[in-house]
Amino acid sequence: MTGHVRRNTHLAQLSELGIGIVDNESISRHSFVRSDGCWNFDFAELYRRKNSALNHQLVRPSGVTTKLSDHQIRLINNIQANQEDSIEAQAYAGTGKTFVLDEIMARMPDRKFIFLADVEPKLRAIRDRFPKERLKTSTFKRLAESLLSNGSRALQIRMVEASRLTLSYSGLAERASLSGIGSQSATQVAAICWAAIFKFCMSKDPQITLDHIPLLPAQGYSNYEKQILIAAATTLWVKLSHWDLEAPLLPIRGYHRIKQASLAQLYIPESIDTILIDEAHDLTAPMVEILDRSPQTVISLGDQLQNLEGSYIPHNALVRHRDMSISLRAGQPLVHHINQIIELFPAAPSDPFVADKEKEMIVAEYPANSFPPEHTVILVADDWGLFDWLIRSRHMNQSVAVVDWDSSFERFLESCLNLYLRDEKPISGPITHYKTWGQLRDQMMWNDAFVRVEQWLGTVGARYGVSGLYKCAHIGELSNKRLARSLIATVFTVKNFEFSRLTISEDLYYAPDLRGKKLMSKKLALLYTAMTRASGKLYIPESHREWTSYIRRESSFLK
């Protein structure tokens, strides 16, 4: 195993030094030697062109020359020839979705665009390339705020202030005047209502119902309590949606605003000709409703396999469909692993995942209970995976840091310790619903990462606490090809990034149950999204084949 990893490590270094590997056929044919026996100095460039997925050269109206793959140029030509038709393209990870949208704007100079994305960093590069006169950019959240404020500067400022507000569940209960219900404290009621509103905001439903109320662990609700919880969640939603400039601010998130805009039947103004959407798989049902209601041409590129909720929302409008399946990020060694995952999806796209033959890439295994042989970005499923790797780093004397933008994970560590030692109820975070550690254990024993965390809390944690475990990574570290330490992150946190060195944690395969299409889709989307973040070297656990076989067996029950 050690020799295999070392050999792969050396192969990966060749690419970094600008050295490529030639296939056996070219070697046997001596293509690098001319007929007169002299060295063919044009061989490297000819060989690169032959194997490159970017085999089309086009000149933009500005005179800039670009290179595109077969699938990219077909999609661009289709859009250019049918400028009044909306198009929804299924594009696998790394196929160059953002570049295609960039090319479309360059080739349609007379149209006025709005470029929409889920997060601000995606918009910055686009804004740098095009003048403001013909291109507007906006996140989904900011678009909803603009539609809702209807030109009121005071209201828009207040919306931004509310979106920046951080509030614990206890603070939310106090500010929204929520009371305890049955055995649930006011803080727990606030957590339940917040979760119900989130589920409501992800749906097309016009009002909050019992379907949105999360189940309590190891117990249910009486019919009376169910109705009271629905009423409490509805009351909180009304207060979140309130427009009174004098009322106390409550924490508002982007998905709240998008749902409000959808319920208000709002749409994008007609001053825009064309709507461009990157990462369309992150569109919520209410955002799709806004787009389908808008009169513009909508060009959306996304990858339904990256929808981590397992519920991709297609457009209802009549649209043309195009696919892009040639990944410019991935190399050939990744193709088999990705297609193994794709074929198990309950609603898998018909085209297989294809990689750029020119792209050098290494896929290697590492011991599932250890660290890879070099510093990498390590992707985990959730906070238990982060906790587990921090414990492992202490045992193995490894330097690691957590990618944790708002420091919420540090609070999670303390909440776990307090719940374990004293059954002290957490006031925020994913374990808020649990009154005791025993309740949490009953729900989480399927997760080996949780089991290892519990064992550690019962020995080291109970004596020394969690101080010293947590170190936060700076965002700049993610872009470094040579990491000074390993970085641990959930897939959700870095789902829009790519990494030259990446490790897949075994906890990404854990699941309590896969006997349902949505459950299976969520698990496969997690693995697919994690693996396709790799652009150079990917480490997978030695147990990968065993876990893949297990998932395949479970998927057979869904057919």
Protein backbone atom coordinates (compact mmCIF):
# COMPACT_ATOMS: atom_id res chain seq x y z
CA MET A 1 0.00 0.00 0.00
CA THR A 2 2.76 2.40 0.97
CA GLY A 3 4.65 1.79 -2.27
CA HIS A 4 1.48 2.27 -4.30
CA VAL A 5 0.78 5.63 -2.66
CA ARG A 6 4.39 6.77 -3.07
CA ARG A 7 4.36 5.82 -6.78
CA ASN A 8 1.13 7.75 -7.35
CA THR A 9 2.53 10.73 -5.47
CA HIS A 10 5.55 10.82 -7.79
CA LEU A 11 3.30 10.53 -10.87
CA ALA A 12 1.24 13.49 -9.70
CA GLN A 13 4.38 15.58 -9.33
CA LEU A 14 5.13 15.09 -13.05
CA SER A 15 2.07 17.14 -13.98
CA GLU A 16 3.12 19.94 -11.63
CA LEU A 17 6.51 20.03 -13.37
CA GLY A 18 4.87 20.28 -16.81
CA ILE A 19 5.73 16.69 -17.74
CA GLY A 20 3.08 14.53 -19.42
CA ILE A 21 2.80 10.77 -19.89
CA VAL A 22 2.60 9.34 -23.43
CA ASP A 23 0.33 6.38 -24.26
CA ASN A 24 1.79 3.02 -25.35
CA GLU A 25 0.54 3.32 -28.93
CA SER A 26 2.43 6.59 -29.52
CA ILE A 27 5.57 5.06 -28.05
CA SER A 28 5.37 1.92 -30.21
CA ARG A 29 4.81 4.06 -33.33
CA HIS A 30 7.74 6.35 -32.45
CA SER A 31 5.55 9.37 -33.18
CA PHE A 32 8.08 11.62 -31.45
CA VAL A 33 10.70 10.88 -34.16
CA ARG A 34 10.56 12.25 -37.70
CA SER A 35 11.07 10.08 -40.78
CA ASP A 36 14.69 11.25 -41.04
CA GLY A 37 15.40 9.98 -37.54
CA CYS A 38 15.53 13.44 -35.92
CA TRP A 39 13.51 14.42 -32.88
CA ASN A 40 10.06 15.82 -33.70
CA PHE A 41 9.96 19.01 -31.64
CA ASP A 42 6.30 19.52 -32.59
CA PHE A 43 5.28 16.20 -31.02
CA ALA A 44 4.27 17.59 -27.62
CA GLU A 45 1.88 20.17 -29.09
CA LEU A 46 0.42 17.73 -31.65
CA TYR A 47 -0.06 15.07 -28.98
CA ARG A 48 -1.74 17.60 -26.68
CA ARG A 49 -4.17 18.71 -29.41
CA LYS A 50 -5.03 15.10 -30.27
CA ASN A 51 -6.00 14.23 -26.70
CA SER A 52 -7.37 17.55 -25.49
CA ALA A 53 -11.09 17.89 -24.92
CA LEU A 54 -10.78 21.56 -25.92
CA ASN A 55 -10.56 20.80 -29.63
CA HIS A 56 -12.41 23.84 -31.03
CA GLN A 57 -10.92 27.30 -31.49
CA LEU A 58 -13.32 30.21 -31.87
CA VAL A 59 -12.79 33.94 -32.16
CA ARG A 60 -15.10 36.22 -30.19
CA PRO A 61 -16.40 39.48 -31.71
CA SER A 62 -13.78 41.25 -29.56
CA GLY A 63 -10.99 39.30 -31.31
CA VAL A 64 -10.19 37.09 -28.33
CA THR A 65 -9.58 33.42 -29.22
CA THR A 66 -11.19 30.79 -27.00
CA LYS A 67 -11.02 27.00 -26.87
CA LEU A 68 -14.11 24.86 -26.30
CA SER A 69 -15.08 21.21 -26.04
CA ASP A 70 -17.53 19.50 -28.40
CA HIS A 71 -20.35 19.74 -25.88
CA GLN A 72 -19.63 23.36 -25.06
CA ILE A 73 -19.72 24.52 -28.67
CA ARG A 74 -22.92 22.56 -29.40
CA LEU A 75 -24.67 24.18 -26.47
CA ILE A 76 -23.42 27.67 -27.36
CA ASN A 77 -24.46 27.30 -31.02
CA ASN A 78 -27.88 26.05 -29.94
CA ILE A 79 -28.42 29.02 -27.64
CA GLN A 80 -27.18 31.51 -30.22
CA ALA A 81 -29.52 30.10 -32.88
CA ASN A 82 -32.56 30.12 -30.57
CA GLN A 83 -32.18 33.33 -28.60
CA GLU A 84 -35.87 33.57 -27.66
CA ASP A 85 -36.03 30.05 -26.22
CA SER A 86 -35.23 29.17 -22.62
CA ILE A 87 -32.65 26.42 -22.25
CA GLU A 88 -31.96 24.17 -19.28
CA ALA A 89 -28.67 22.28 -19.55
CA GLN A 90 -27.61 19.29 -17.45
CA ALA A 91 -23.84 19.75 -17.11
CA TYR A 92 -21.65 17.43 -15.06
CA ALA A 93 -19.18 18.83 -12.55
CA GLY A 94 -16.15 20.45 -14.13
CA THR A 95 -17.61 20.74 -17.65
CA GLY A 96 -17.08 24.51 -17.73
CA LYS A 97 -20.57 25.83 -16.97
CA THR A 98 -19.37 29.29 -15.92
CA PHE A 99 -17.13 29.56 -18.98
CA VAL A 100 -20.06 28.72 -21.28
CA LEU A 101 -22.18 31.48 -19.74
CA ASP A 102 -19.25 33.85 -20.18
CA GLU A 103 -19.01 32.85 -23.86
CA ILE A 104 -22.75 33.33 -24.39
CA MET A 105 -22.57 36.91 -23.14
CA ALA A 106 -19.59 37.62 -25.39
CA ARG A 107 -21.43 36.28 -28.46
CA MET A 108 -24.69 38.15 -27.85
CA PRO A 109 -23.42 41.74 -27.46
CA ASP A 110 -26.80 43.44 -28.03
CA ARG A 111 -28.70 41.70 -25.25
CA LYS A 112 -29.07 42.86 -21.64
CA PHE A 113 -28.35 40.10 -19.14
CA ILE A 114 -28.77 39.45 -15.46
CA PHE A 115 -26.40 36.82 -14.10
CA LEU A 116 -27.78 35.03 -11.03
CA ALA A 117 -25.89 32.80 -8.60
CA ASP A 118 -26.36 31.49 -5.09
CA VAL A 119 -23.24 33.12 -3.61
CA GLU A 120 -21.41 36.41 -4.15
CA PRO A 121 -17.91 35.04 -5.04
CA LYS A 122 -19.24 33.57 -8.30
CA LEU A 123 -20.35 37.03 -9.44
CA ARG A 124 -17.09 38.92 -8.89
CA ALA A 125 -15.20 37.40 -11.83
CA ILE A 126 -18.20 37.92 -14.12
CA ARG A 127 -18.49 41.61 -13.15
CA ASP A 128 -14.83 42.15 -13.99
CA ARG A 129 -15.34 40.97 -17.59
CA PHE A 130 -18.41 42.88 -18.72
CA PRO A 131 -19.63 46.49 -18.52
CA LYS A 132 -22.45 47.28 -16.10
CA GLU A 133 -24.53 48.72 -18.95
CA ARG A 134 -25.27 45.30 -20.42
CA LEU A 135 -24.84 42.97 -17.46
CA LYS A 136 -26.39 43.04 -14.03
CA THR A 137 -25.39 40.50 -11.40
CA SER A 138 -27.23 39.37 -8.32
CA THR A 139 -27.45 36.58 -5.81
CA PHE A 140 -30.87 34.96 -5.48
CA LYS A 141 -31.19 36.54 -2.04
CA ARG A 142 -30.37 40.08 -3.22
CA LEU A 143 -32.75 39.74 -6.16
CA ALA A 144 -35.59 38.77 -3.81
CA GLU A 145 -34.79 41.72 -1.53
CA SER A 146 -34.85 44.08 -4.51
CA LEU A 147 -38.22 42.75 -5.72
CA LEU A 148 -39.75 42.91 -2.25
CA SER A 149 -38.50 46.41 -1.40
CA ASN A 150 -39.95 47.79 -4.67
CA GLY A 151 -37.60 50.76 -4.72
CA SER A 152 -37.78 51.59 -0.99
CA ARG A 153 -34.20 52.26 0.09
CA ALA A 154 -35.13 52.22 3.79
CA LEU A 155 -36.80 48.83 3.48
CA GLN A 156 -33.91 47.35 1.53
CA ILE A 157 -31.39 48.56 4.15
CA ARG A 158 -33.52 46.99 6.89
CA MET A 159 -33.62 43.68 4.98
CA VAL A 160 -29.83 43.63 4.73
CA GLU A 161 -29.52 44.37 8.47
CA ALA A 162 -31.87 41.50 9.27
CA SER A 163 -29.92 39.11 7.07
CA ARG A 164 -26.73 39.85 9.01
CA LEU A 165 -28.36 39.30 12.39
CA THR A 166 -27.15 36.30 14.36
CA LEU A 167 -29.52 35.06 17.03
CA SER A 168 -29.60 31.92 19.18
CA TYR A 169 -32.79 29.92 19.50
CA SER A 170 -33.24 31.24 23.03
CA GLY A 171 -32.88 34.80 21.74
CA LEU A 172 -35.29 34.06 18.89
CA ALA A 173 -37.86 32.67 21.34
CA GLU A 174 -37.60 35.79 23.49
CA ARG A 175 -37.74 38.27 20.63
CA ALA A 176 -40.61 36.50 18.88
CA SER A 177 -42.49 35.88 22.18
CA LEU A 178 -42.59 32.10 21.75
CA SER A 179 -43.68 29.95 24.70
CA GLY A 180 -43.03 26.34 25.68
CA ILE A 181 -45.36 23.66 24.30
CA GLY A 182 -45.91 20.46 26.25
CA SER A 183 -42.53 19.08 27.28
CA GLN A 184 -40.70 21.44 24.91
CA SER A 185 -39.14 24.61 26.27
CA ALA A 186 -39.49 27.94 24.47
CA THR A 187 -35.96 27.52 23.11
CA GLN A 188 -36.80 24.09 21.69
CA VAL A 189 -40.05 25.41 20.22
CA ALA A 190 -38.04 28.15 18.48
CA ALA A 191 -35.71 25.51 17.03
CA ILE A 192 -38.65 23.38 15.83
CA CYS A 193 -40.38 26.40 14.27
CA TRP A 194 -37.17 27.52 12.55
CA ALA A 195 -36.72 24.04 11.03
CA ALA A 196 -40.38 23.96 9.95
CA ILE A 197 -40.07 27.35 8.25
CA PHE A 198 -36.92 26.20 6.43
CA LYS A 199 -38.75 23.17 5.02
CA PHE A 200 -41.71 25.39 4.11
CA CYS A 201 -39.38 27.84 2.29
CA MET A 202 -37.89 25.01 0.25
CA SER A 203 -41.33 23.94 -0.98
CA LYS A 204 -44.07 25.28 -3.25
CA ASP A 205 -46.59 25.02 -0.42
CA PRO A 206 -48.69 28.15 0.23
CA GLN A 207 -48.83 27.68 4.00
CA ILE A 208 -47.14 25.82 6.86
CA THR A 209 -48.65 22.40 7.62
CA LEU A 210 -47.83 19.35 9.69
CA ASP A 211 -45.63 18.08 6.84
CA HIS A 212 -43.12 20.82 7.68
CA ILE A 213 -42.88 20.09 11.42
CA PRO A 214 -39.77 17.99 12.23
CA LEU A 215 -40.29 14.86 14.30
CA LEU A 216 -38.88 14.84 17.79
CA PRO A 217 -36.35 12.10 18.59
CA ALA A 218 -37.77 9.02 20.32
CA GLN A 219 -41.21 10.59 20.83
CA GLY A 220 -44.16 12.07 18.99
CA TYR A 221 -46.65 14.86 19.50
CA SER A 222 -50.23 14.78 20.67
CA ASN A 223 -52.77 16.10 18.17
CA TYR A 224 -53.17 19.21 20.30
CA GLU A 225 -49.39 19.82 20.37
CA LYS A 226 -49.21 19.37 16.60
CA GLN A 227 -51.75 22.10 16.00
CA ILE A 228 -50.07 24.42 18.51
CA LEU A 229 -46.67 23.88 16.83
CA ILE A 230 -48.17 24.65 13.40
CA ALA A 231 -49.70 27.83 14.83
CA ALA A 232 -46.40 28.80 16.49
CA ALA A 233 -44.43 28.26 13.27
CA THR A 234 -47.02 30.25 11.30
CA THR A 235 -46.86 33.09 13.83
CA LEU A 236 -43.06 33.17 13.61
CA TRP A 237 -43.26 33.20 9.80
CA VAL A 238 -45.63 36.17 9.89
CA LYS A 239 -43.23 38.05 12.17
CA LEU A 240 -40.27 37.21 9.90
CA SER A 241 -42.26 38.55 6.93
CA HIS A 242 -43.40 41.71 8.74
CA TRP A 243 -42.63 45.04 7.06
CA ASP A 244 -42.91 47.32 10.12
CA LEU A 245 -39.74 49.42 10.17
CA GLU A 246 -40.19 50.03 13.91
CA ALA A 247 -40.59 46.38 14.98
CA PRO A 248 -37.62 44.48 16.53
CA LEU A 249 -35.38 42.86 13.92
CA LEU A 250 -35.47 39.10 13.56
CA PRO A 251 -32.83 37.00 11.75
CA ILE A 252 -33.83 36.63 8.09
CA ARG A 253 -32.07 34.38 5.59
CA GLY A 254 -32.06 34.43 1.81
CA TYR A 255 -34.45 31.49 1.49
CA HIS A 256 -37.01 33.42 3.58
CA ARG A 257 -36.91 36.36 1.15
CA ILE A 258 -37.14 34.12 -1.92
CA LYS A 259 -40.22 32.39 -0.48
CA GLN A 260 -41.79 35.78 0.32
CA ALA A 261 -41.20 36.98 -3.26
CA SER A 262 -42.69 33.78 -4.65
CA LEU A 263 -45.79 33.98 -2.44
CA ALA A 264 -46.22 37.64 -3.51
CA GLN A 265 -46.29 36.51 -7.19
CA LEU A 266 -43.29 38.72 -8.04
CA TYR A 267 -41.13 38.35 -11.14
CA ILE A 268 -38.01 39.82 -12.74
CA PRO A 269 -38.62 43.20 -14.49
CA GLU A 270 -38.91 43.24 -18.27
CA SER A 271 -35.98 45.67 -18.63
CA ILE A 272 -33.78 42.56 -18.70
CA ASP A 273 -33.65 40.47 -21.90
CA THR A 274 -31.99 37.28 -20.68
CA ILE A 275 -31.47 35.57 -17.34
CA LEU A 276 -28.31 33.49 -16.90
CA ILE A 277 -28.04 31.04 -14.00
CA ASP A 278 -24.96 29.18 -12.87
CA GLU A 279 -25.23 26.12 -10.57
CA ALA A 280 -28.95 25.86 -11.30
CA HIS A 281 -29.16 22.67 -9.22
CA ASP A 282 -29.17 24.92 -6.13
CA LEU A 283 -32.42 26.62 -7.18
CA THR A 284 -35.23 26.17 -4.66
CA ALA A 285 -38.80 25.49 -5.70
CA PRO A 286 -39.88 29.11 -4.92
CA MET A 287 -36.98 30.51 -7.00
CA VAL A 288 -37.99 28.30 -9.93
CA GLU A 289 -41.54 29.68 -9.58
CA ILE A 290 -40.20 33.25 -9.84
CA LEU A 291 -38.18 32.34 -12.96
CA ASP A 292 -41.09 30.54 -14.62
CA ARG A 293 -43.28 33.58 -13.95
CA SER A 294 -40.74 36.00 -15.46
CA PRO A 295 -41.10 36.90 -19.16
CA GLN A 296 -37.41 36.66 -20.08
CA THR A 297 -35.40 33.96 -21.80
CA VAL A 298 -33.82 31.85 -19.04
CA ILE A 299 -30.53 30.03 -19.69
CA SER A 300 -29.72 27.80 -16.74
CA LEU A 301 -26.76 25.45 -16.37
CA GLY A 302 -26.65 23.04 -13.48
CA ASP A 303 -25.88 19.51 -12.41
CA GLN A 304 -28.82 17.73 -10.81
CA LEU A 305 -26.43 15.18 -9.31
CA GLN A 306 -24.98 17.93 -7.09
CA ASN A 307 -28.28 18.70 -5.39
CA LEU A 308 -27.39 17.71 -1.82
CA GLU A 309 -31.06 17.63 -0.77
CA GLY A 310 -31.77 14.90 -3.31
CA SER A 311 -34.62 16.91 -4.84
CA TYR A 312 -33.60 18.73 -8.02
CA ILE A 313 -36.35 21.14 -9.13
CA PRO A 314 -36.79 21.26 -12.94
CA HIS A 315 -38.36 24.26 -14.66
CA ASN A 316 -42.07 24.08 -15.40
CA ALA A 317 -41.76 26.32 -18.44
CA LEU A 318 -41.35 24.78 -21.89
CA VAL A 319 -37.58 24.75 -22.41
CA ARG A 320 -35.01 23.16 -24.66
CA HIS A 321 -32.61 20.73 -22.97
CA ARG A 322 -28.91 20.21 -23.68
CA ASP A 323 -26.29 18.14 -21.88
CA MET A 324 -22.58 18.61 -21.23
CA SER A 325 -20.74 15.55 -19.93
CA ILE A 326 -17.05 16.16 -20.75
CA SER A 327 -15.34 17.27 -17.54
CA LEU A 328 -12.36 19.56 -18.06
CA ARG A 329 -11.47 19.31 -14.36
CA ALA A 330 -11.25 15.54 -14.02
CA GLY A 331 -8.76 13.07 -15.46
CA GLN A 332 -9.33 9.54 -16.74
CA PRO A 333 -8.64 7.76 -13.41
CA LEU A 334 -11.72 9.40 -11.91
CA VAL A 335 -14.15 8.39 -14.67
CA HIS A 336 -14.84 4.84 -13.45
CA HIS A 337 -15.49 5.95 -9.87
CA ILE A 338 -17.89 8.72 -10.92
CA ASN A 339 -19.83 6.58 -13.40
CA GLN A 340 -20.23 3.93 -10.70
CA ILE A 341 -22.03 6.54 -8.62
CA ILE A 342 -24.05 8.02 -11.51
CA GLU A 343 -25.50 4.68 -12.58
CA LEU A 344 -26.93 4.17 -9.06
CA PHE A 345 -28.92 7.42 -9.02
CA PRO A 346 -32.68 6.69 -9.06
CA ALA A 347 -33.07 9.27 -11.87
CA ALA A 348 -29.65 9.19 -13.50
CA PRO A 349 -28.88 11.23 -16.64
CA SER A 350 -28.45 9.08 -19.74
CA ASP A 351 -24.96 10.27 -20.71
CA PRO A 352 -21.88 8.85 -18.95
CA PHE A 353 -19.33 11.09 -17.27
CA VAL A 354 -16.32 11.71 -19.58
CA ALA A 355 -12.96 13.23 -18.64
CA ASP A 356 -10.39 15.23 -20.56
CA LYS A 357 -7.82 12.69 -21.82
CA GLU A 358 -5.11 15.32 -21.55
CA LYS A 359 -5.74 15.95 -17.86
CA GLU A 360 -3.23 14.26 -15.55
CA MET A 361 -4.89 12.90 -12.41
CA ILE A 362 -4.18 10.40 -9.66
CA VAL A 363 -6.69 8.41 -7.60
CA ALA A 364 -5.11 6.57 -4.66
CA GLU A 365 -6.32 4.77 -1.56
CA TYR A 366 -5.43 5.53 2.06
CA PRO A 367 -6.22 3.68 5.33
CA ALA A 368 -9.76 4.71 6.30
CA ASN A 369 -8.78 5.14 9.96
CA SER A 370 -5.65 7.20 9.25
CA PHE A 371 -4.47 10.26 7.34
CA PRO A 372 -3.40 10.40 3.68
CA PRO A 373 0.38 10.62 3.15
CA GLU A 374 0.36 14.39 2.52
CA HIS A 375 -1.59 17.50 3.51
CA THR A 376 -4.90 17.69 1.65
CA VAL A 377 -8.39 19.11 1.92
CA ILE A 378 -10.46 16.42 3.68
CA LEU A 379 -14.19 16.38 2.93
CA VAL A 380 -16.64 14.99 5.49
CA ALA A 381 -20.42 14.59 5.64
CA ASP A 382 -21.28 16.67 8.70
CA ASP A 383 -20.16 18.03 12.08
CA TRP A 384 -19.61 14.52 13.46
CA GLY A 385 -17.12 13.90 10.67
CA LEU A 386 -15.29 17.13 11.55
CA PHE A 387 -15.22 16.17 15.25
CA ASP A 388 -13.97 12.66 14.43
CA TRP A 389 -11.07 13.95 12.30
CA LEU A 390 -10.04 16.45 14.98
CA ILE A 391 -9.83 13.60 17.50
CA ARG A 392 -7.84 11.55 14.99
CA SER A 393 -5.47 14.45 14.40
CA ARG A 394 -4.73 14.67 18.12
CA HIS A 395 -4.11 10.90 18.36
CA MET A 396 -1.81 10.92 15.33
CA ASN A 397 -0.15 14.28 16.03
CA GLN A 398 -1.32 15.77 12.74
CA SER A 399 -1.75 19.49 12.10
CA VAL A 400 -5.30 20.25 10.88
CA ALA A 401 -7.75 23.16 10.73
CA VAL A 402 -11.51 23.35 10.16
CA VAL A 403 -13.07 25.33 7.31
CA ASP A 404 -15.76 27.04 9.40
CA TRP A 405 -16.84 30.42 8.03
CA ASP A 406 -18.95 31.54 11.00
CA SER A 407 -17.19 29.62 13.83
CA SER A 408 -20.41 27.67 14.45
CA PHE A 409 -18.52 24.40 14.73
CA GLU A 410 -16.56 25.64 17.72
CA ARG A 411 -19.89 26.17 19.51
CA PHE A 412 -20.96 22.68 18.42
CA LEU A 413 -17.95 21.15 20.22
CA GLU A 414 -18.87 22.87 23.48
CA SER A 415 -22.55 21.94 23.08
CA CYS A 416 -21.65 18.27 22.62
CA LEU A 417 -19.49 18.26 25.75
CA ASN A 418 -22.14 19.97 27.85
CA LEU A 419 -24.90 17.67 26.61
CA TYR A 420 -22.73 14.61 27.25
CA LEU A 421 -21.60 15.59 30.75
CA ARG A 422 -24.66 17.36 32.16
CA ASP A 423 -27.51 16.94 29.64
CA GLU A 424 -27.30 20.71 29.24
CA LYS A 425 -29.57 21.66 26.36
CA PRO A 426 -27.77 23.31 23.41
CA ILE A 427 -29.12 26.73 22.47
CA SER A 428 -28.12 26.54 18.79
CA GLY A 429 -26.85 24.13 16.18
CA PRO A 430 -27.90 20.72 14.80
CA ILE A 431 -28.40 18.99 18.20
CA THR A 432 -30.77 21.58 19.69
CA HIS A 433 -33.78 19.23 19.53
CA TYR A 434 -32.22 16.76 21.98
CA LYS A 435 -32.85 17.00 25.71
CA THR A 436 -30.35 14.32 26.73
CA TRP A 437 -27.29 12.62 25.30
CA GLY A 438 -29.21 9.34 25.48
CA GLN A 439 -31.80 10.66 23.04
CA LEU A 440 -29.02 11.71 20.68
CA ARG A 441 -27.32 8.32 20.98
CA ASP A 442 -30.55 6.49 20.10
CA GLN A 443 -30.71 8.44 16.83
CA MET A 444 -27.00 8.39 15.90
CA MET A 445 -25.64 4.90 16.71
CA TRP A 446 -25.62 4.07 12.98
CA ASN A 447 -22.88 6.69 12.49
CA ASP A 448 -19.42 5.30 13.29
CA ALA A 449 -18.01 8.83 13.45
CA PHE A 450 -20.53 9.63 16.22
CA VAL A 451 -19.62 6.40 18.06
CA ARG A 452 -15.93 7.34 18.04
CA VAL A 453 -16.76 10.86 19.26
CA GLU A 454 -18.85 9.43 22.11
CA GLN A 455 -16.02 7.09 23.13
CA TRP A 456 -13.59 10.00 23.17
CA LEU A 457 -15.95 12.20 25.21
CA GLY A 458 -16.24 9.38 27.76
CA THR A 459 -12.48 9.23 28.25
CA VAL A 460 -10.40 12.22 27.16
CA GLY A 461 -13.20 14.75 26.74
CA ALA A 462 -14.75 14.17 30.15
CA ARG A 463 -11.39 14.84 31.80
CA TYR A 464 -9.86 17.57 29.68
CA GLY A 465 -12.71 19.12 27.71
CA VAL A 466 -12.64 20.14 24.04
CA SER A 467 -10.33 23.15 24.32
CA GLY A 468 -7.37 22.93 21.99
CA LEU A 469 -9.09 20.70 19.46
CA TYR A 470 -10.41 23.53 17.29
CA LYS A 471 -8.32 25.54 14.85
CA CYS A 472 -10.05 27.61 12.18
CA ALA A 473 -8.71 27.73 8.60
CA HIS A 474 -8.38 31.02 6.75
CA ILE A 475 -10.19 31.16 3.41
CA GLY A 476 -6.89 31.90 1.66
CA GLU A 477 -5.58 28.48 2.63
CA LEU A 478 -8.10 26.76 0.36
CA SER A 479 -6.43 28.15 -2.76
CA ASN A 480 -2.94 26.96 -1.83
CA LYS A 481 -1.70 23.99 -3.85
CA ARG A 482 0.91 23.26 -1.20
CA LEU A 483 -0.97 23.16 2.08
CA ALA A 484 0.93 23.77 5.29
CA ARG A 485 -1.61 21.58 7.12
CA SER A 486 -4.63 19.46 6.26
CA LEU A 487 -7.98 21.28 6.10
CA ILE A 488 -11.25 19.59 7.10
CA ALA A 489 -14.56 20.75 5.64
CA THR A 490 -18.08 19.50 5.06
CA VAL A 491 -19.04 18.96 1.42
CA PHE A 492 -21.75 21.59 1.74
CA THR A 493 -19.27 24.23 2.93
CA VAL A 494 -16.98 23.90 -0.11
CA LYS A 495 -19.34 22.53 -2.77
CA ASN A 496 -18.44 25.36 -5.17
CA PHE A 497 -14.65 24.90 -4.90
CA GLU A 498 -12.14 22.62 -6.58
CA PHE A 499 -8.91 21.30 -5.04
CA SER A 500 -5.67 19.97 -6.46
CA ARG A 501 -5.31 17.57 -3.49
CA LEU A 502 -8.44 16.11 -1.98
CA THR A 503 -9.34 13.33 0.47
CA ILE A 504 -12.72 11.64 0.82
CA SER A 505 -13.62 10.69 4.40
CA GLU A 506 -15.23 7.33 5.07
CA ASP A 507 -18.10 8.99 6.93
CA LEU A 508 -19.45 10.21 3.57
CA TYR A 509 -20.60 6.61 2.97
CA TYR A 510 -22.38 6.13 6.33
CA ALA A 511 -26.19 6.06 6.25
CA PRO A 512 -28.95 4.88 8.62
CA ASP A 513 -31.18 3.89 5.74
CA LEU A 514 -31.00 4.06 1.94
CA ARG A 515 -34.34 2.36 1.18
CA GLY A 516 -35.92 5.38 -0.44
CA LYS A 517 -35.24 7.30 -3.65
CA LYS A 518 -34.66 10.62 -1.91
CA LEU A 519 -32.39 9.07 0.75
CA MET A 520 -30.39 7.29 -1.94
CA SER A 521 -30.16 10.44 -4.09
CA LYS A 522 -28.89 12.51 -1.13
CA LYS A 523 -26.17 9.96 -0.31
CA LEU A 524 -25.03 9.63 -3.93
CA ALA A 525 -25.11 13.41 -4.44
CA LEU A 526 -22.86 13.81 -1.39
CA LEU A 527 -20.30 11.34 -2.77
CA TYR A 528 -20.50 12.65 -6.34
CA THR A 529 -20.13 16.29 -5.28
CA ALA A 530 -17.22 15.44 -2.97
CA MET A 531 -15.25 13.43 -5.54
CA THR A 532 -15.77 15.90 -8.36
CA ARG A 533 -14.12 18.68 -6.32
CA ALA A 534 -10.79 17.00 -7.15
CA SER A 535 -8.71 18.46 -9.98
CA GLY A 536 -5.34 16.75 -9.46
CA LYS A 537 -5.08 14.04 -6.84
CA LEU A 538 -7.88 12.25 -5.02
CA TYR A 539 -7.46 9.99 -1.99
CA ILE A 540 -10.32 7.56 -1.32
CA PRO A 541 -10.58 5.27 1.74
CA GLU A 542 -9.48 1.63 1.37
CA SER A 543 -13.06 0.69 2.23
CA HIS A 544 -14.42 2.49 -0.86
CA ARG A 545 -15.17 -0.71 -2.81
CA GLU A 546 -16.90 -2.31 0.16
CA TRP A 547 -19.09 0.74 0.73
CA THR A 548 -19.88 1.08 -2.97
CA SER A 549 -21.00 -2.57 -3.04
CA TYR A 550 -23.25 -1.92 -0.03
CA ILE A 551 -24.84 1.12 -1.70
CA ARG A 552 -25.32 -0.87 -4.91
CA ARG A 553 -27.13 -3.62 -3.01
CA GLU A 554 -29.41 -1.06 -1.35
CA SER A 555 -30.12 0.65 -4.68
CA SER A 556 -31.30 -2.64 -6.17
CA PHE A 557 -34.34 -2.50 -3.85
CA LEU A 558 -35.44 0.79 -5.48
CA LYS A 559 -35.69 -0.60 -9.00
